[in-house]
Amino acid sequence: MSTEFLRALLASLEDELPAALSLRERLHANPEPGNAEHGTARLVSEALGAAGPVAGTGLVARVEPVEERAVAVRAELDALPIEEQTGAPFAAGNGFMHACGHDVHMAALTALFRAARHSSLPAPLLALYQPSEETYPSGAEVIVRERALGEVGAVVAAHVHPDVPWGCVSVEPGPVNASCDYIHITVEGEGGHGAYPHRARDPILALSHVVVALQSLVSRRLDPMHPGVLSIGQTRAGSADNVIPERAEAGGTLRALQPEDREPLRESAREIVEATARAHGCVAGMEVIEGEPATINDPAIAASARALAPEAGFEVAPPTRSCGSDDFGFYGGLAPTLMVFVGLDGAPGTEHLPLHHPRFLPPPEAVRAVARAQAVALVAASGASPAEPTS
């Protein structure tokens, strides 16, 4: 039965693609930052014909074929603060850019929504256009915290992925994106003259050893079969070449693919920071700013999507998991979830570039691919028997 629903939906989808391709170009030409996507939301709302607000600049639109819990399909509204270098005729040139495929995701979901209104669905569709995926406050976190979607049976999404082959989708059960916490380290010492370091307590030296010691966190505190990453992205200290300052700071991210590793890694990092600084006569502390949880694919929905993928013309790619993070993980606290990665590697006329690159530009054909992957995820979530929410 799921196969019949999918075939009918895919047939209706083809008629909506020309308008979706035009919408994609208009969205790409109008990139806006998180929580300020007013023009973007207006373009989407006009294309949908009817939509309600959610989480500020976000939108929701619903197709209700039966009296059951809806399956929410998410797309993201926001762009990144990147100066585009694609040379595309529809590039904005305003200092922002859809460098993560969000324009493709939105256009695809709009085509899917319009097609769903003319198709029989096994469960209602809730088209969710979420604000602020790339920045805080996270749109997904706000939506989940405020229960803005009501009761939903599942939340699914499809995301372009430059490392998955063109014509393929990656649909793996379990964690597919890591959690991400932001850490801020402060080391307090005693300032002094650069010529008399023995009369000071050098926080820069202590922080340097802290940064090096933290590299043992993943290699020696984490199961080697469990991916994790600690990256220090910035350090700050001092105001003059010949002065030992009183304070040094660093900031970075701590990521874990397995949810059970998240808190132990935080605690181990804090121990290393404090003990290493103390060994150098300084006092240190580490603040953790909690970010996205891991994105965890429901096993039953993933299995159903893998079985349906060939009906949509996809091959199933080898397993793809990443220590990148996505605030889609927050929806795991609301309902079972599924994230499908849609391949771009080898797509027509497309450079092999990572997400967030200033020349990243999926081809027009990617709109169709993502829309078909969203359809697979929607039908899979409607027909599977998923587990409970993950958190």
Protein backbone atom coordinates (compact mmCIF):
# COMPACT_ATOMS: atom_id res chain seq x y z
CA MET A 1 0.00 0.00 0.00
CA SER A 2 2.84 2.44 0.81
CA THR A 3 4.27 1.84 -2.66
CA GLU A 4 0.95 2.82 -4.27
CA PHE A 5 0.77 6.02 -2.24
CA LEU A 6 4.33 6.89 -3.20
CA ARG A 7 3.80 6.25 -6.90
CA ALA A 8 0.74 8.49 -6.99
CA LEU A 9 2.52 11.24 -5.07
CA LEU A 10 5.58 11.12 -7.34
CA ALA A 11 3.36 11.36 -10.42
CA SER A 12 1.66 14.49 -9.05
CA LEU A 13 5.03 15.90 -8.05
CA GLU A 14 6.28 16.07 -11.64
CA ASP A 15 3.66 18.70 -12.51
CA GLU A 16 4.85 20.97 -9.70
CA LEU A 17 8.56 20.95 -10.52
CA PRO A 18 8.69 23.81 -13.08
CA ALA A 19 7.24 26.24 -10.53
CA ALA A 20 9.56 24.85 -7.85
CA LEU A 21 12.63 25.50 -10.02
CA SER A 22 11.58 29.12 -10.46
CA LEU A 23 10.95 29.43 -6.73
CA ARG A 24 14.38 28.01 -5.96
CA GLU A 25 16.05 30.77 -8.01
CA ARG A 26 14.01 33.48 -6.30
CA LEU A 27 14.83 32.07 -2.87
CA HIS A 28 18.52 31.86 -3.74
CA ALA A 29 18.42 35.51 -4.85
CA ASN A 30 16.89 36.54 -1.52
CA PRO A 31 19.10 35.00 1.21
CA GLU A 32 18.41 36.17 4.75
CA PRO A 33 19.95 35.33 8.15
CA GLY A 34 18.29 33.30 10.88
CA ASN A 35 15.22 34.80 12.56
CA ALA A 36 15.11 37.55 9.92
CA GLU A 37 13.80 35.51 6.97
CA HIS A 38 10.85 37.82 6.27
CA GLY A 39 11.22 38.03 2.48
CA THR A 40 12.00 34.32 2.26
CA ALA A 41 8.88 33.42 4.21
CA ARG A 42 6.80 35.73 2.02
CA LEU A 43 8.01 34.00 -1.16
CA VAL A 44 7.23 30.57 0.29
CA SER A 45 3.83 31.64 1.59
CA GLU A 46 2.85 32.99 -1.82
CA ALA A 47 3.88 29.72 -3.46
CA LEU A 48 1.95 27.63 -0.94
CA GLY A 49 -1.21 29.68 -1.16
CA ALA A 50 -1.92 29.26 2.56
CA ALA A 51 0.36 28.97 5.57
CA GLY A 52 0.39 29.88 9.22
CA PRO A 53 3.21 31.35 11.32
CA VAL A 54 5.46 29.39 13.65
CA ALA A 55 8.49 30.41 15.74
CA GLY A 56 8.55 33.98 14.49
CA THR A 57 9.46 33.93 10.82
CA GLY A 58 8.65 30.25 10.29
CA LEU A 59 5.69 28.79 8.41
CA VAL A 60 3.49 25.69 8.60
CA ALA A 61 1.00 24.43 6.04
CA ARG A 62 -1.12 21.30 6.34
CA VAL A 63 -2.73 18.77 4.02
CA GLU A 64 -5.29 16.64 5.88
CA PRO A 65 -6.45 13.57 3.95
CA VAL A 66 -7.30 11.49 7.02
CA GLU A 67 -7.89 11.94 10.73
CA GLU A 68 -4.48 10.83 11.91
CA ARG A 69 -1.37 12.45 13.35
CA ALA A 70 0.49 14.42 10.72
CA VAL A 71 4.00 13.72 9.50
CA ALA A 72 5.99 16.96 9.54
CA VAL A 73 8.46 17.47 6.69
CA ARG A 74 11.03 20.12 7.52
CA ALA A 75 12.87 22.60 5.31
CA GLU A 76 15.06 25.48 6.52
CA LEU A 77 14.54 29.17 5.75
CA ASP A 78 17.85 30.77 6.68
CA ALA A 79 21.03 31.53 4.78
CA LEU A 80 24.66 31.88 5.89
CA PRO A 81 26.82 35.03 6.23
CA ILE A 82 28.98 34.12 3.20
CA GLU A 83 29.80 36.23 0.15
CA GLU A 84 28.72 34.08 -2.77
CA GLN A 85 31.27 33.19 -5.45
CA THR A 86 29.21 30.87 -7.67
CA GLY A 87 28.72 33.32 -10.51
CA ALA A 88 25.09 32.22 -10.78
CA PRO A 89 22.83 34.80 -12.48
CA PHE A 90 20.49 34.61 -9.48
CA ALA A 91 23.21 35.16 -6.84
CA ALA A 92 22.26 37.87 -4.36
CA GLY A 93 25.57 39.60 -3.65
CA ASN A 94 24.32 40.91 -0.30
CA GLY A 95 26.80 39.14 1.99
CA PHE A 96 24.51 36.16 2.59
CA MET A 97 24.19 32.91 0.69
CA HIS A 98 22.22 29.68 0.58
CA ALA A 99 25.42 27.65 0.86
CA CYS A 100 23.83 24.66 2.61
CA GLY A 101 21.07 23.79 0.15
CA HIS A 102 18.23 25.40 2.10
CA ASP A 103 16.88 27.06 -1.06
CA VAL A 104 16.66 23.61 -2.68
CA HIS A 105 14.99 22.09 0.38
CA MET A 106 12.35 24.85 0.53
CA ALA A 107 11.52 24.68 -3.19
CA ALA A 108 11.29 20.89 -3.04
CA LEU A 109 8.97 20.92 -0.03
CA THR A 110 6.72 23.47 -1.72
CA ALA A 111 6.42 21.18 -4.74
CA LEU A 112 5.69 18.23 -2.45
CA PHE A 113 3.00 20.17 -0.57
CA ARG A 114 1.28 21.28 -3.77
CA ALA A 115 1.41 17.74 -5.14
CA ALA A 116 0.05 16.30 -1.89
CA ARG A 117 -3.11 18.37 -2.22
CA HIS A 118 -3.95 16.36 -5.36
CA SER A 119 -2.88 12.95 -4.01
CA SER A 120 -4.11 10.35 -1.56
CA LEU A 121 -1.85 10.25 1.48
CA PRO A 122 -1.71 7.67 4.26
CA ALA A 123 -1.35 10.45 6.87
CA PRO A 124 -1.66 14.24 6.93
CA LEU A 125 1.33 16.26 5.73
CA LEU A 126 2.58 19.18 7.79
CA ALA A 127 5.00 21.26 5.70
CA LEU A 128 7.33 22.95 8.18
CA TYR A 129 9.54 25.83 7.06
CA GLN A 130 11.78 26.33 10.05
CA PRO A 131 13.70 29.54 10.78
CA SER A 132 17.23 29.79 12.11
CA GLU A 133 18.82 26.38 11.58
CA GLU A 134 22.31 27.87 11.30
CA THR A 135 22.27 30.28 14.26
CA TYR A 136 20.99 30.64 17.80
CA PRO A 137 18.37 30.78 19.05
CA SER A 138 17.67 27.57 17.14
CA GLY A 139 14.33 27.52 15.37
CA ALA A 140 13.90 23.81 16.01
CA GLU A 141 14.57 24.22 19.73
CA VAL A 142 11.96 26.98 19.95
CA ILE A 143 9.38 24.92 18.05
CA VAL A 144 9.91 21.88 20.27
CA ARG A 145 10.01 23.84 23.51
CA GLU A 146 6.79 25.69 22.69
CA ARG A 147 5.06 22.57 21.31
CA ALA A 148 4.23 24.70 18.29
CA LEU A 149 3.44 21.73 16.03
CA GLY A 150 1.00 20.04 18.39
CA GLU A 151 0.95 16.25 18.23
CA VAL A 152 2.79 14.82 15.24
CA GLY A 153 3.52 11.22 14.39
CA ALA A 154 7.02 11.85 13.04
CA VAL A 155 9.31 14.59 11.76
CA VAL A 156 11.34 13.93 8.61
CA ALA A 157 13.68 15.87 6.33
CA ALA A 158 15.92 15.49 3.30
CA HIS A 159 19.27 17.30 3.05
CA VAL A 160 21.63 17.54 0.08
CA HIS A 161 25.01 15.96 0.78
CA PRO A 162 28.12 16.49 -1.38
CA ASP A 163 29.72 13.20 -0.29
CA VAL A 164 26.80 10.95 -1.24
CA PRO A 165 26.76 9.88 -4.93
CA TRP A 166 24.31 11.53 -7.29
CA GLY A 167 21.24 9.36 -7.77
CA CYS A 168 21.63 7.89 -4.29
CA VAL A 169 20.22 8.52 -0.85
CA SER A 170 21.72 7.60 2.50
CA VAL A 171 19.08 6.37 4.94
CA GLU A 172 20.72 4.84 7.99
CA PRO A 173 19.11 3.88 11.31
CA GLY A 174 20.45 5.40 14.51
CA PRO A 175 22.64 8.49 14.93
CA VAL A 176 23.59 10.20 11.65
CA ASN A 177 24.62 13.66 12.90
CA ALA A 178 26.47 14.45 16.13
CA SER A 179 25.48 16.54 19.08
CA CYS A 180 27.34 19.83 19.35
CA ASP A 181 28.18 21.75 22.53
CA TYR A 182 30.05 25.04 22.62
CA ILE A 183 32.77 25.37 25.23
CA HIS A 184 34.35 28.53 26.63
CA ILE A 185 37.56 28.17 28.65
CA THR A 186 38.90 30.87 30.95
CA VAL A 187 42.35 30.67 32.58
CA GLU A 188 43.18 33.12 35.37
CA GLY A 189 46.84 33.74 36.28
CA GLU A 190 48.93 36.62 37.60
CA GLY A 191 50.15 39.27 35.21
CA GLY A 192 53.64 40.66 35.04
CA HIS A 193 56.58 41.79 32.94
CA GLY A 194 57.66 39.55 30.07
CA ALA A 195 61.24 39.76 31.33
CA TYR A 196 60.34 38.35 34.77
CA PRO A 197 58.03 35.37 34.15
CA HIS A 198 58.99 33.80 37.47
CA ARG A 199 57.11 36.60 39.22
CA ALA A 200 53.93 35.91 37.25
CA ARG A 201 51.64 32.99 36.62
CA ASP A 202 51.39 32.86 32.87
CA PRO A 203 47.82 32.05 31.73
CA ILE A 204 48.90 31.88 28.07
CA LEU A 205 51.34 29.06 28.81
CA ALA A 206 48.70 27.29 30.89
CA LEU A 207 46.07 27.70 28.18
CA SER A 208 48.49 26.37 25.57
CA HIS A 209 48.96 23.21 27.59
CA VAL A 210 45.19 23.00 28.14
CA VAL A 211 44.56 23.06 24.39
CA VAL A 212 47.15 20.35 23.78
CA ALA A 213 45.92 18.21 26.69
CA LEU A 214 42.35 18.39 25.42
CA GLN A 215 43.41 16.56 22.27
CA SER A 216 43.66 13.41 24.39
CA LEU A 217 39.97 13.70 25.27
CA VAL A 218 38.68 11.83 22.22
CA SER A 219 41.69 9.57 21.74
CA ARG A 220 41.90 8.37 25.36
CA ARG A 221 38.51 9.00 27.00
CA LEU A 222 36.17 7.81 24.24
CA ASP A 223 35.47 4.33 22.86
CA PRO A 224 37.47 4.20 19.58
CA MET A 225 34.35 2.89 17.82
CA HIS A 226 32.35 5.98 18.87
CA PRO A 227 33.05 9.10 16.78
CA GLY A 228 33.67 12.37 18.59
CA VAL A 229 35.47 15.64 17.85
CA LEU A 230 36.88 18.43 19.98
CA SER A 231 38.00 21.53 18.07
CA ILE A 232 39.35 24.74 19.56
CA GLY A 233 38.41 27.50 17.16
CA GLN A 234 39.65 30.62 18.89
CA THR A 235 42.04 31.87 21.57
CA ARG A 236 42.32 35.34 23.09
CA ALA A 237 44.90 36.80 25.47
CA GLY A 238 47.11 39.78 26.11
CA SER A 239 47.38 43.37 24.95
CA ALA A 240 51.14 43.94 24.55
CA ASP A 241 54.17 41.93 23.43
CA ASN A 242 56.12 42.44 26.66
CA VAL A 243 53.31 41.92 29.17
CA ILE A 244 52.15 38.62 30.65
CA PRO A 245 48.39 39.05 31.00
CA GLU A 246 46.21 37.97 33.88
CA ARG A 247 43.71 36.11 31.75
CA ALA A 248 43.53 33.91 28.65
CA GLU A 249 40.47 32.47 26.94
CA ALA A 250 39.61 29.86 24.34
CA GLY A 251 36.46 28.67 22.63
CA GLY A 252 35.53 25.62 20.63
CA THR A 253 33.07 22.82 20.03
CA LEU A 254 32.64 19.34 21.47
CA ARG A 255 30.75 16.80 19.37
CA ALA A 256 29.58 13.24 20.00
CA LEU A 257 27.71 10.93 17.64
CA GLN A 258 26.47 8.62 20.40
CA PRO A 259 24.16 10.44 22.85
CA GLU A 260 25.49 8.48 25.84
CA ASP A 261 28.98 9.95 25.26
CA ARG A 262 27.89 13.57 25.43
CA GLU A 263 27.87 14.20 29.18
CA PRO A 264 30.98 12.10 29.99
CA LEU A 265 32.95 14.04 27.38
CA ARG A 266 31.86 17.34 28.94
CA GLU A 267 32.93 16.22 32.41
CA SER A 268 36.25 14.82 31.21
CA ALA A 269 36.99 18.03 29.33
CA ARG A 270 36.29 20.07 32.44
CA GLU A 271 38.65 17.87 34.51
CA ILE A 272 41.45 18.26 31.98
CA VAL A 273 41.02 22.03 31.80
CA GLU A 274 41.03 22.56 35.55
CA ALA A 275 43.84 20.13 36.38
CA THR A 276 46.16 21.27 33.58
CA ALA A 277 45.81 24.93 34.51
CA ARG A 278 46.37 24.12 38.18
CA ALA A 279 49.63 22.38 37.30
CA HIS A 280 50.84 25.72 35.93
CA GLY A 281 49.79 27.74 38.95
CA CYS A 282 46.61 29.05 37.36
CA VAL A 283 42.91 28.61 37.90
CA ALA A 284 40.64 27.64 35.01
CA GLY A 285 37.00 27.02 34.37
CA MET A 286 34.98 25.75 31.43
CA GLU A 287 31.49 26.88 30.52
CA VAL A 288 29.38 24.59 28.34
CA ILE A 289 26.69 26.10 26.14
CA GLU A 290 24.47 23.23 25.12
CA GLY A 291 23.79 23.04 21.40
CA GLU A 292 22.03 20.54 19.19
CA PRO A 293 21.46 16.94 20.27
CA ALA A 294 22.42 14.13 17.93
CA THR A 295 20.12 13.47 14.98
CA ILE A 296 18.84 9.92 15.39
CA ASN A 297 16.96 8.11 12.63
CA ASP A 298 14.14 5.89 13.79
CA PRO A 299 14.99 2.30 12.76
CA ALA A 300 11.50 1.40 11.51
CA ILE A 301 11.09 4.58 9.45
CA ALA A 302 14.62 4.21 8.05
CA ALA A 303 13.94 0.59 7.03
CA SER A 304 10.73 1.60 5.29
CA ALA A 305 12.45 4.48 3.49
CA ARG A 306 15.27 2.21 2.31
CA ALA A 307 12.70 -0.19 0.87
CA LEU A 308 10.81 2.61 -0.89
CA ALA A 309 13.86 4.47 -2.25
CA PRO A 310 14.11 2.42 -5.52
CA GLU A 311 10.49 3.34 -6.32
CA ALA A 312 11.64 6.97 -6.45
CA GLY A 313 14.61 6.13 -8.67
CA PHE A 314 17.25 6.13 -5.93
CA GLU A 315 19.95 3.67 -5.06
CA VAL A 316 20.74 3.32 -1.37
CA ALA A 317 24.22 4.67 -0.70
CA PRO A 318 26.77 3.18 1.68
CA PRO A 319 26.31 4.35 5.29
CA THR A 320 26.85 8.07 5.79
CA ARG A 321 27.25 9.50 9.28
CA SER A 322 28.77 12.80 10.26
CA CYS A 323 30.07 14.70 13.25
CA GLY A 324 28.44 17.74 11.75
CA SER A 325 25.37 18.84 13.65
CA ASP A 326 21.89 20.02 12.71
CA ASP A 327 19.21 21.41 14.97
CA PHE A 328 16.89 18.82 13.40
CA GLY A 329 18.11 16.70 16.33
CA PHE A 330 15.82 18.67 18.67
CA TYR A 331 12.77 17.13 17.00
CA GLY A 332 13.81 13.78 18.45
CA GLY A 333 12.38 15.01 21.74
CA LEU A 334 9.03 15.56 20.06
CA ALA A 335 8.53 12.53 17.83
CA PRO A 336 10.46 9.83 15.94
CA THR A 337 12.67 11.37 13.25
CA LEU A 338 14.31 10.58 9.92
CA MET A 339 16.99 12.56 8.07
CA VAL A 340 17.65 11.45 4.47
CA PHE A 341 20.89 12.57 2.81
CA VAL A 342 20.46 13.21 -0.92
CA GLY A 343 23.56 12.75 -3.04
CA LEU A 344 25.26 15.55 -4.98
CA ASP A 345 28.61 13.92 -5.79
CA GLY A 346 28.71 13.66 -9.58
CA ALA A 347 25.59 15.78 -10.13
CA PRO A 348 25.48 17.43 -13.56
CA GLY A 349 27.67 20.52 -13.85
CA THR A 350 28.44 20.58 -10.13
CA GLU A 351 31.81 21.03 -8.44
CA HIS A 352 32.62 18.64 -5.60
CA LEU A 353 32.62 21.18 -2.77
CA PRO A 354 31.68 20.97 0.89
CA LEU A 355 28.60 22.53 2.41
CA HIS A 356 29.10 26.18 3.41
CA HIS A 357 31.62 26.77 0.61
CA PRO A 358 31.20 30.12 -1.23
CA ARG A 359 30.94 28.25 -4.57
CA PHE A 360 28.53 25.56 -3.36
CA LEU A 361 25.62 25.44 -5.83
CA PRO A 362 23.44 22.35 -6.32
CA PRO A 363 22.13 22.01 -9.89
CA PRO A 364 18.46 22.57 -10.79
CA GLU A 365 17.99 18.79 -10.91
CA ALA A 366 18.62 18.68 -7.16
CA VAL A 367 15.17 20.19 -6.51
CA ARG A 368 13.53 17.15 -8.07
CA ALA A 369 15.85 14.76 -6.23
CA VAL A 370 15.17 16.35 -2.83
CA ALA A 371 11.40 16.50 -3.44
CA ARG A 372 11.35 12.80 -4.30
CA ALA A 373 13.44 12.00 -1.21
CA GLN A 374 11.02 14.04 0.93
CA ALA A 375 8.16 12.04 -0.59
CA VAL A 376 9.91 8.78 0.31
CA ALA A 377 10.44 9.99 3.89
CA LEU A 378 6.83 11.16 4.20
CA VAL A 379 5.34 7.87 3.00
CA ALA A 380 7.83 5.82 5.04
CA ALA A 381 6.95 7.68 8.23
CA SER A 382 3.24 7.38 7.49
CA GLY A 383 3.34 3.60 7.12
CA ALA A 384 6.05 2.52 9.58
CA SER A 385 5.60 1.69 13.25
CA PRO A 386 8.19 3.99 14.79
CA ALA A 387 9.64 3.92 18.26
CA GLU A 388 9.04 6.54 20.92
CA PRO A 389 10.78 9.95 20.75
CA THR A 390 14.51 9.65 21.33
CA SER A 391 14.79 12.14 24.18
